[in-house]
Protein backbone atom coordinates (compact mmCIF):
# COMPACT_ATOMS: atom_id res chain seq x y z
CA MET A 1 0.00 0.00 0.00
CA LYS A 2 1.30 3.40 -0.94
CA ARG A 3 1.29 6.13 1.70
CA VAL A 4 1.93 9.83 1.92
CA TRP A 5 5.41 10.34 3.35
CA ILE A 6 5.90 13.12 5.87
CA VAL A 7 9.58 14.00 5.61
CA LEU A 8 11.03 15.50 8.81
CA PRO A 9 14.50 16.95 8.15
CA ASP A 10 15.34 18.96 11.29
CA GLN A 11 14.56 19.09 14.98
CA LEU A 12 12.85 22.49 15.03
CA SER A 13 10.25 21.62 12.40
CA ILE A 14 9.83 18.11 13.84
CA ARG A 15 9.02 19.72 17.18
CA VAL A 16 6.35 21.95 15.64
CA PHE A 17 4.76 19.19 13.55
CA VAL A 18 4.62 16.71 16.43
CA ASP A 19 3.86 18.97 19.39
CA THR A 20 1.12 20.99 17.67
CA GLY A 21 -0.65 17.88 16.37
CA VAL A 22 0.03 18.31 12.63
CA VAL A 23 1.33 14.74 12.29
CA ARG A 24 -1.52 13.31 14.33
CA GLY A 25 -4.08 15.30 12.35
CA LEU A 26 -2.63 14.13 9.03
CA ASP A 27 -2.69 10.51 10.14
CA GLU A 28 -6.35 10.81 11.09
CA ARG A 29 -7.42 12.65 7.94
CA LEU A 30 -5.47 10.29 5.66
CA GLU A 31 -7.02 7.32 7.49
CA GLY A 32 -3.73 5.77 8.52
CA LYS A 33 -2.09 6.12 5.10
CA LEU A 34 0.77 8.22 6.44
CA ALA A 35 4.39 7.25 7.06
CA ALA A 36 7.11 9.32 8.74
CA VAL A 37 10.67 9.64 7.45
CA PHE A 38 13.17 11.18 9.86
CA LEU A 39 16.25 12.77 8.29
CA VAL A 40 17.91 13.50 11.63
CA PRO A 41 20.11 10.74 13.14
CA ARG A 42 18.19 7.80 14.58
CA GLU A 43 19.18 8.62 18.17
CA ALA A 44 17.91 12.20 17.75
CA ALA A 45 14.65 10.92 16.27
CA ALA A 46 14.06 8.29 18.96
CA GLU A 47 11.99 10.44 21.32
CA TRP A 48 9.80 11.77 18.50
CA ALA A 49 9.29 8.29 17.07
CA ARG A 50 8.06 7.12 20.49
CA ARG A 51 5.39 9.81 20.34
CA LEU A 52 4.13 8.40 17.03
CA PRO A 53 3.51 4.74 17.94
CA ASP A 54 0.85 4.18 15.27
CA LEU A 55 2.98 5.43 12.38
CA ASP A 56 5.32 3.48 10.15
CA VAL A 57 8.71 5.15 10.67
CA SER A 58 11.83 5.03 8.53
CA TYR A 59 15.13 6.93 8.53
CA GLY A 60 16.88 8.87 5.83
CA GLU A 61 20.26 7.48 6.82
CA GLU A 62 19.03 4.04 5.77
CA LEU A 63 17.25 5.13 2.59
CA THR A 64 20.23 7.08 1.27
CA VAL A 65 23.06 4.66 2.06
CA PRO A 66 24.91 3.66 -1.16
CA LEU A 67 24.33 0.07 -2.32
CA THR A 68 27.20 -0.33 -4.78
CA LEU A 69 30.60 1.17 -5.59
CA ARG A 70 29.01 2.90 -8.58
CA ASP A 71 26.34 4.39 -6.35
CA LYS A 72 29.00 5.57 -3.90
CA ALA A 73 31.04 7.14 -6.71
CA LEU A 74 28.02 8.96 -8.14
CA GLY A 75 27.14 10.21 -4.68
CA ARG A 76 30.64 11.63 -4.24
CA VAL A 77 30.48 13.39 -7.60
CA ASP A 78 27.09 14.85 -6.69
CA ALA A 79 28.45 16.07 -3.32
CA TRP A 80 31.52 17.58 -5.05
CA LEU A 81 29.30 19.50 -7.43
CA ASP A 82 26.97 20.56 -4.63
CA ARG A 83 29.84 22.16 -2.70
CA ARG A 84 30.70 24.26 -5.76
CA ILE A 85 27.38 25.08 -7.40
CA GLY A 86 24.73 23.80 -5.02
CA TYR A 87 23.32 24.34 -1.56
CA HIS A 88 25.62 26.87 0.14
CA PRO A 89 26.81 28.69 -3.01
CA LEU A 90 23.19 29.29 -4.01
CA ALA A 91 22.23 30.42 -0.49
CA ILE A 92 25.08 32.93 -0.35
CA ARG A 93 24.33 34.23 -3.85
CA LEU A 94 20.66 34.69 -2.95
CA ASN A 95 21.79 36.82 -0.01
CA HIS A 96 24.08 38.89 -2.22
CA ARG A 97 21.42 39.33 -4.90
CA HIS A 98 18.76 40.67 -2.54
CA GLY A 99 20.86 42.17 0.25
CA PHE A 100 20.00 39.56 2.89
CA HIS A 101 22.43 39.44 5.84
CA THR A 102 25.12 41.34 3.95
CA GLU A 103 26.29 42.93 7.21
CA ARG A 104 26.84 39.49 8.72
CA MET A 105 28.47 37.58 5.88
CA GLN A 106 32.22 37.10 6.09
CA PRO A 107 34.90 34.54 5.17
CA GLY A 108 34.92 31.60 7.56
CA HIS A 109 31.66 32.50 9.32
CA PRO A 110 30.65 29.58 11.59
CA ASN A 111 27.15 29.75 10.10
CA TRP A 112 27.84 28.26 6.67
CA MET A 113 24.92 30.17 5.15
CA LEU A 114 26.97 33.32 5.84
CA ASP A 115 30.44 31.97 5.00
CA THR A 116 31.54 33.73 1.81
CA ASP A 117 34.31 31.16 1.38
CA ARG A 118 31.51 28.80 0.28
CA ASP A 119 30.40 31.08 -2.52
CA GLY A 120 31.71 28.73 -5.21
CA PRO A 121 34.11 29.38 -8.11
CA LEU A 122 31.65 30.55 -10.79
CA PRO A 123 31.01 34.23 -11.61
CA HIS A 124 27.99 36.09 -10.26
CA TRP A 125 26.23 36.34 -13.60
CA PRO A 126 22.44 35.84 -13.70
CA PRO A 127 22.56 33.18 -16.47
CA VAL A 128 25.21 31.26 -14.52
CA GLU A 129 23.20 31.35 -11.30
CA ARG A 130 20.04 30.29 -13.09
CA ALA A 131 21.95 27.32 -14.48
CA MET A 132 23.20 26.48 -10.97
CA GLU A 133 19.61 26.44 -9.71
CA ARG A 134 18.47 24.24 -12.60
CA TRP A 135 21.12 21.68 -11.68
CA PHE A 136 20.40 21.93 -7.96
CA PHE A 137 16.69 21.18 -8.38
CA SER A 138 17.09 18.84 -11.35
CA PRO A 139 15.21 15.52 -11.26
CA ARG A 140 18.19 13.97 -13.03
CA ARG A 141 20.81 14.65 -10.34
CA HIS A 142 21.93 11.68 -8.27
CA VAL A 143 19.28 10.01 -6.11
CA PRO A 144 20.34 6.97 -4.04
CA PRO A 145 18.79 3.87 -5.70
CA ARG A 146 17.36 2.56 -2.42
CA LEU A 147 15.48 5.83 -1.88
CA LEU A 148 14.23 5.94 -5.47
CA HIS A 149 13.00 2.34 -5.30
CA ALA A 150 11.25 2.89 -1.96
CA MET A 151 9.49 6.01 -3.18
CA ARG A 152 8.43 4.34 -6.42
CA GLU A 153 6.93 1.37 -4.58
CA GLU A 154 5.64 2.90 -1.35
CA CYS A 155 5.13 6.66 -1.68
CA SER A 156 2.11 8.48 -3.13
CA GLY A 157 3.27 12.01 -2.29
CA LEU A 158 5.44 14.03 0.07
CA VAL A 159 4.82 16.63 2.73
CA VAL A 160 8.08 18.17 3.94
CA SER A 161 8.05 19.87 7.36
CA ASN A 162 10.94 22.13 6.26
CA VAL A 163 11.38 22.31 2.51
CA GLN A 164 14.84 23.96 2.55
CA PRO A 165 17.47 21.75 4.27
CA ALA A 166 20.07 20.01 2.12
CA SER A 167 18.98 16.62 3.49
CA ALA A 168 15.56 17.06 1.85
CA VAL A 169 17.02 17.61 -1.64
CA PRO A 170 17.28 13.90 -2.67
CA PHE A 171 13.61 13.43 -1.72
CA LEU A 172 12.56 16.46 -3.77
CA ALA A 173 14.63 15.26 -6.74
CA ALA A 174 13.14 11.76 -6.53
CA ALA A 175 9.61 13.17 -6.31
CA ARG A 176 10.16 15.21 -9.47
CA ARG A 177 11.59 12.20 -11.28
CA LEU A 178 8.64 10.03 -10.27
CA GLY A 179 6.00 12.71 -10.78
CA LEU A 180 4.88 12.69 -7.14
CA PRO A 181 3.13 15.76 -5.67
CA VAL A 182 4.91 17.64 -2.87
CA VAL A 183 3.60 20.01 -0.21
CA GLY A 184 6.47 22.09 1.13
CA HIS A 185 6.19 23.76 4.53
CA VAL A 186 8.38 26.86 4.85
CA ALA A 187 9.37 26.34 8.43
CA SER A 188 9.78 29.81 9.90
CA TRP A 189 9.19 33.51 9.34
CA ASP A 190 12.80 34.21 8.30
CA HIS A 191 13.32 31.25 5.96
CA THR A 192 12.17 33.03 2.82
CA VAL A 193 14.75 35.82 3.17
CA GLY A 194 18.13 34.38 3.99
CA LYS A 195 17.95 30.64 4.63
CA GLY A 196 18.64 29.53 1.06
CA VAL A 197 16.81 28.92 -2.19
CA ILE A 198 13.42 27.20 -2.23
CA SER A 199 12.42 24.62 -4.81
CA PRO A 200 9.84 26.12 -7.19
CA TYR A 201 8.44 22.67 -8.09
CA CYS A 202 6.17 21.88 -5.13
CA ALA A 203 2.44 21.58 -5.75
CA LEU A 204 1.72 23.74 -2.71
CA TYR A 205 3.65 25.83 -0.18
CA VAL A 206 2.47 26.37 3.38
CA VAL A 207 3.56 29.61 5.09
CA GLN A 208 2.73 31.52 8.25
CA ASN A 209 1.70 34.92 6.92
CA ARG A 210 1.14 37.17 3.90
CA VAL A 211 4.65 38.59 4.11
CA MET A 212 6.10 35.12 3.49
CA GLU A 213 3.64 34.60 0.65
CA ASP A 214 4.92 37.80 -0.98
CA ASP A 215 8.54 36.77 -0.30
CA LEU A 216 8.00 33.52 -2.22
CA ARG A 217 6.74 35.48 -5.20
CA ARG A 218 9.38 38.19 -5.07
CA TYR A 219 12.53 36.22 -4.25
CA HIS A 220 11.76 32.64 -5.31
CA GLY A 221 9.47 33.01 -8.33
CA ILE A 222 6.56 31.09 -6.76
CA SER A 223 3.04 32.19 -7.63
CA PRO A 224 0.66 33.06 -4.76
CA LYS A 225 -1.80 30.62 -6.36
CA ARG A 226 0.42 27.80 -5.03
CA VAL A 227 0.77 29.24 -1.51
CA ARG A 228 -1.48 28.67 1.49
CA VAL A 229 -1.27 31.02 4.50
CA THR A 230 -2.14 29.09 7.65
CA GLY A 231 -0.70 31.02 10.58
CA TRP A 232 2.11 29.67 12.74
CA PRO A 233 1.28 26.26 14.29
CA GLN A 234 3.56 26.89 17.26
CA THR A 235 1.26 29.70 18.38
CA ASP A 236 -1.52 27.17 18.89
CA LEU A 237 0.28 26.16 22.07
CA PHE A 238 0.39 29.78 23.24
CA ALA A 239 -3.27 30.35 22.39
CA ARG A 240 -4.33 27.61 24.81
CA GLN A 241 -4.70 29.15 28.25
CA ARG A 242 -2.57 27.57 30.96
CA PRO A 243 -3.50 28.05 34.62
CA ARG A 244 -1.18 29.80 37.01
CA ALA A 245 -1.06 26.62 39.07
CA GLY A 246 0.72 24.83 36.21
CA TYR A 247 3.31 27.63 36.06
CA ASP A 248 3.84 27.46 39.82
CA GLU A 249 4.36 23.72 39.62
CA LEU A 250 6.87 24.13 36.77
CA LEU A 251 8.91 26.66 38.76
CA ARG A 252 8.99 24.41 41.80
CA ARG A 253 10.30 21.64 39.55
CA TYR A 254 13.19 23.94 38.68
CA GLY A 255 13.76 24.79 42.33
CA LEU A 256 12.43 28.35 41.94
CA ASP A 257 9.94 30.25 44.12
CA PRO A 258 6.66 31.02 42.28
CA ARG A 259 6.03 33.96 44.63
CA ARG A 260 9.09 35.85 43.38
CA PRO A 261 9.45 37.60 39.99
CA LEU A 262 11.16 35.59 37.26
CA VAL A 263 13.05 36.71 34.15
CA LEU A 264 13.49 34.18 31.36
CA VAL A 265 16.89 34.71 29.68
CA ALA A 266 16.83 32.96 26.30
CA GLY A 267 20.02 32.16 24.43
CA ASN A 268 21.02 32.24 20.80
CA THR A 269 23.33 29.76 19.05
CA SER A 270 27.08 29.87 19.58
CA SER A 271 27.57 30.74 15.90
CA ASN A 272 25.28 33.78 16.18
CA ALA A 273 26.21 34.91 19.71
CA PRO A 274 29.78 33.77 20.53
CA TYR A 275 30.09 36.10 23.56
CA GLU A 276 26.85 35.06 25.22
CA GLY A 277 28.68 33.32 28.06
CA ARG A 278 30.13 36.64 29.19
CA PHE A 279 26.66 38.19 29.20
CA VAL A 280 25.40 35.35 31.39
CA GLU A 281 28.29 35.95 33.80
CA ARG A 282 27.59 39.69 33.94
CA LEU A 283 23.86 39.18 34.52
CA VAL A 284 24.41 36.69 37.32
CA GLY A 285 26.96 39.02 38.90
CA TRP A 286 24.53 41.95 38.76
CA ARG A 287 21.85 39.93 40.49
CA ARG A 288 24.24 38.67 43.16
CA GLU A 289 25.74 42.12 43.85
CA GLY A 290 22.50 44.00 44.30
CA GLY A 291 20.25 43.52 41.32
CA GLY A 292 18.51 40.70 43.10
CA GLU A 293 17.60 42.47 46.33
CA ASP A 294 13.96 42.50 45.30
CA GLY A 295 13.96 38.72 45.04
CA LEU A 296 14.39 38.60 41.28
CA GLN A 297 15.06 35.12 39.86
CA LEU A 298 16.71 34.17 36.54
CA LEU A 299 15.85 31.16 34.39
CA PHE A 300 18.34 30.66 31.58
CA ARG A 301 17.11 28.85 28.47
CA PRO A 302 19.91 27.88 26.03
CA HIS A 303 19.08 27.64 22.36
CA PRO A 304 18.16 24.00 21.59
CA ARG A 305 20.88 23.91 18.90
CA ASP A 306 23.61 25.12 21.27
CA GLY A 307 25.96 22.15 21.66
CA GLN A 308 28.20 24.17 24.03
CA TRP A 309 25.49 25.31 26.39
CA ARG A 310 27.00 23.75 29.51
CA GLU A 311 30.20 25.78 29.09
CA ARG A 312 28.47 28.95 27.89
CA PHE A 313 25.98 29.01 30.78
CA ALA A 314 28.32 27.65 33.45
CA ALA A 315 28.46 31.00 35.30
CA ALA A 316 24.76 30.65 36.22
CA GLN A 317 25.12 27.23 37.81
CA GLY A 318 25.10 26.85 41.56
CA HIS A 319 23.52 30.21 42.46
CA GLU A 320 20.35 30.55 44.52
CA GLY A 321 17.58 31.97 42.38
CA ALA A 322 19.33 31.21 39.09
CA VAL A 323 18.64 28.05 37.08
CA VAL A 324 19.83 26.82 33.68
CA GLN A 325 17.46 24.65 31.67
CA GLU A 326 18.92 21.84 29.62
CA ALA A 327 19.07 22.65 25.91
CA SER A 328 16.14 20.72 24.46
CA TYR A 329 13.84 20.50 21.47
CA SER A 330 11.17 18.57 23.35
CA ASP A 331 9.95 20.99 26.04
CA LEU A 332 7.76 23.26 23.93
CA ASP A 333 4.83 22.76 26.31
CA ASP A 334 6.95 24.06 29.22
CA LEU A 335 7.98 27.06 27.13
CA ALA A 336 4.35 27.85 26.35
CA THR A 337 3.54 27.76 30.07
CA LEU A 338 6.44 30.06 30.88
CA LEU A 339 5.48 32.52 28.17
CA GLN A 340 2.02 33.01 29.61
CA HIS A 341 3.21 33.85 33.11
CA VAL A 342 6.91 34.78 33.30
CA ASP A 343 7.50 38.42 34.29
CA ALA A 344 9.93 39.34 31.49
CA VAL A 345 12.01 37.83 28.67
CA VAL A 346 15.59 38.82 27.82
CA CYS A 347 17.00 37.62 24.50
CA ASN A 348 19.07 38.69 21.52
CA ALA A 349 17.02 37.66 18.51
CA GLY A 350 15.31 34.74 16.88
CA THR A 351 11.98 33.04 17.21
CA ILE A 352 12.00 33.36 21.00
CA LEU A 353 11.48 37.11 20.66
CA LEU A 354 8.34 36.46 18.62
CA ASP A 355 7.29 33.81 21.14
CA ALA A 356 7.52 36.39 23.91
CA LEU A 357 5.38 38.89 22.01
CA VAL A 358 2.77 36.25 21.18
CA GLY A 359 2.64 35.41 24.88
CA ASP A 360 2.26 39.16 25.67
CA ARG A 361 5.42 39.12 27.77
CA PRO A 362 7.54 42.27 28.23
CA ALA A 363 10.80 41.66 26.36
CA VAL A 364 14.29 43.15 26.37
CA CYS A 365 16.27 42.65 23.15
CA VAL A 366 20.04 42.63 23.74
CA LEU A 367 21.83 44.43 20.90
CA TYR A 368 25.44 44.40 22.07
CA ASP A 369 28.12 41.77 22.78
CA GLU A 370 29.28 41.68 26.39
CA GLY A 371 33.08 41.55 26.56
CA ALA A 372 33.63 41.43 22.80
CA PRO A 373 36.80 42.99 21.36
CA ALA A 374 36.44 46.44 19.84
CA GLY A 375 35.05 46.29 16.33
CA GLU A 376 33.22 42.99 16.69
CA SER A 377 29.44 43.06 16.37
CA TRP A 378 27.25 39.97 16.46
CA ALA A 379 24.13 40.72 18.51
CA ALA A 380 23.20 43.89 16.63
CA LYS A 381 23.74 42.23 13.25
CA ASN A 382 21.45 39.37 14.23
CA VAL A 383 18.48 41.73 14.03
CA VAL A 384 19.22 43.64 10.81
CA GLY A 385 17.88 41.01 8.41
CA LYS A 386 14.98 41.68 6.06
CA HIS A 387 12.59 39.74 8.27
CA TYR A 388 13.35 41.98 11.27
CA GLU A 389 12.48 45.29 9.60
CA GLU A 390 8.84 45.38 10.65
CA LEU A 391 9.55 43.87 14.07
CA ALA A 392 12.37 46.35 14.78
CA ALA A 393 10.11 49.26 13.85
CA SER A 394 7.24 48.03 16.02
CA GLY A 395 8.47 49.40 19.35
CA ALA A 396 7.10 46.24 20.94
CA PHE A 397 10.16 45.53 23.12
CA TYR A 398 12.89 47.34 25.00
CA ARG A 399 16.20 47.74 23.16
CA ALA A 400 19.47 47.35 25.09
CA GLU A 401 22.76 48.48 23.52
CA ARG A 402 24.72 48.21 26.78
CA PHE A 403 24.32 46.31 30.02
CA GLU A 404 22.83 49.27 31.89
CA GLU A 405 19.99 49.31 29.36
CA VAL A 406 19.40 45.59 29.94
CA VAL A 407 18.96 46.33 33.64
CA ALA A 408 16.73 49.33 32.94
CA GLY A 409 14.60 47.23 30.58
CA ILE A 410 14.14 44.49 33.17
CA GLU A 411 13.22 46.98 35.88
CA ARG A 412 10.76 48.74 33.60
CA ALA A 413 9.17 45.45 32.54
CA LEU A 414 8.67 44.43 36.16
CA ALA A 415 7.29 47.81 37.17
CA GLN A 416 5.03 48.40 34.15
CA PRO A 417 4.25 45.04 32.51
CA ALA A 418 1.42 46.47 30.37
CA GLU A 419 3.41 49.43 29.04
CA LEU A 420 3.99 48.03 25.51
CA ALA A 421 0.97 45.72 25.37
CA ALA A 422 -0.66 47.54 22.43
CA GLU A 423 2.61 47.52 20.50
CA ARG A 424 3.02 43.80 21.17
CA ARG A 425 -0.44 43.09 19.79
CA ARG A 426 0.20 45.09 16.62
CA ALA A 427 3.58 43.39 16.08
CA VAL A 428 2.01 39.94 16.40
CA GLU A 429 -0.74 40.83 13.94
CA GLY A 430 1.78 42.15 11.40
CA VAL A 431 4.65 39.70 11.73
CA VAL A 432 3.08 36.46 12.98
CA GLY A 433 -0.42 36.63 11.57
CA VAL A 434 -3.58 35.11 13.01
CA VAL A 435 -3.19 33.54 16.46
CA ASP A 436 -6.40 31.63 17.14
CA GLY A 437 -5.29 28.12 18.14
CA HIS A 438 -6.22 26.58 14.75
CA ALA A 439 -3.10 27.06 12.61
CA ALA A 440 -2.17 23.36 12.82
CA GLU A 441 -5.66 22.43 11.58
CA ARG A 442 -5.20 24.74 8.60
CA VAL A 443 -1.84 23.11 7.80
CA VAL A 444 -3.52 19.69 7.84
CA ASP A 445 -6.35 20.98 5.63
CA ALA A 446 -3.87 22.35 3.09
CA VAL A 447 -1.90 19.10 2.89
CA VAL A 448 -4.98 16.90 2.61
CA GLU A 449 -6.42 19.11 -0.12
CA VAL A 450 -3.39 18.29 -2.31
CA LEU A 451 -2.39 14.81 -1.17
CA GLY A 452 -5.63 13.29 0.15
CA ASN A 453 -6.69 11.92 -3.21
CA GLU A 454 -3.28 10.26 -3.68
CA THR A 455 -4.10 7.71 -0.94
CA ARG A 456 -7.36 6.54 -2.51
């Protein structure tokens, strides 16, 4: 029996699709004719697979393993070409062409999307770059035979939780070769303007808001007729009201006092915020030396992709009233509870800033690098991308360009929590879109509309 394959290439989009009920809803609507394919390593997928006990599960690492020496050789040639004219070269050239992240790009940047050394050897001529894209999305480029055979025999169509990662490319190429319909989910608000090229060959694209719909038309040549705006499924979790008692219980689990004010300090990745550890040290020192006389508590939340979080947040360990969460992809429900009740959020950039605004939490955006050498700027550059223009102009959060402004922002948030409430609401309406608790249902509806008939 052929099934719709839901391809899950990265932890962040897996988290959204599983925790908001998109996978469960698809399985119900497709009457059990759904199979999950994890492209993250098996050990990373294990917890998610346990949450989907009724689904047939397979793993990309098994489907893409070479079967013969010829297959291995072709795979190496394909990878060699990709490094020169494929994934990262095209992403960097897209940034150059439209001015995305130009302030951040530099040779050797730890974020490979911003590493100009990966630009590739070919000239920046439009015909050349169009030819690069034709090769990159070609149905004739190498597809591992095991994957091609499995899709031919078992797959009726694809839904991809994040249509852009390199690991999804063989699946997109195989689908084109076999004539299978694809629904591509564009995983986050910033992915259209700086996270690489997007295949123009999907039957339907699912996005959060009208801005992303326009981005697909303007920067990726995708007609609005093939785009469905659904809202952001993650906000469904924030739309569901969570009682104060659940928040109190969560804080006690962390060893914190629910009666005292709490500031959630959310981290960025080490590649985007290399001096974050020094900021943590300064903040803990401020609280210990007088900033905490009012009983203020700090809960540090490392970015889930921060593999160095233990070292970077070490200064906060072992202090009364300061706790470091473990970096995790699987605690979205806890985050939703925090963001309905925590007194303030301090962060640099990223989705967590939007999360805070959706939860109507006062937020302080850190725009400087504590302890960085003169001339280095990471935090400020993290919020200059195209997708931040409307958010930065919203006035929905406090801006901090030095540590004293971080402190002032926290104190103001605690003293006047409703001060920027109207600005927060307007920012959510403009940047996030509709928040009504039904975005995941709309994602399921969009997928079933295109792929539902393929299972009959």
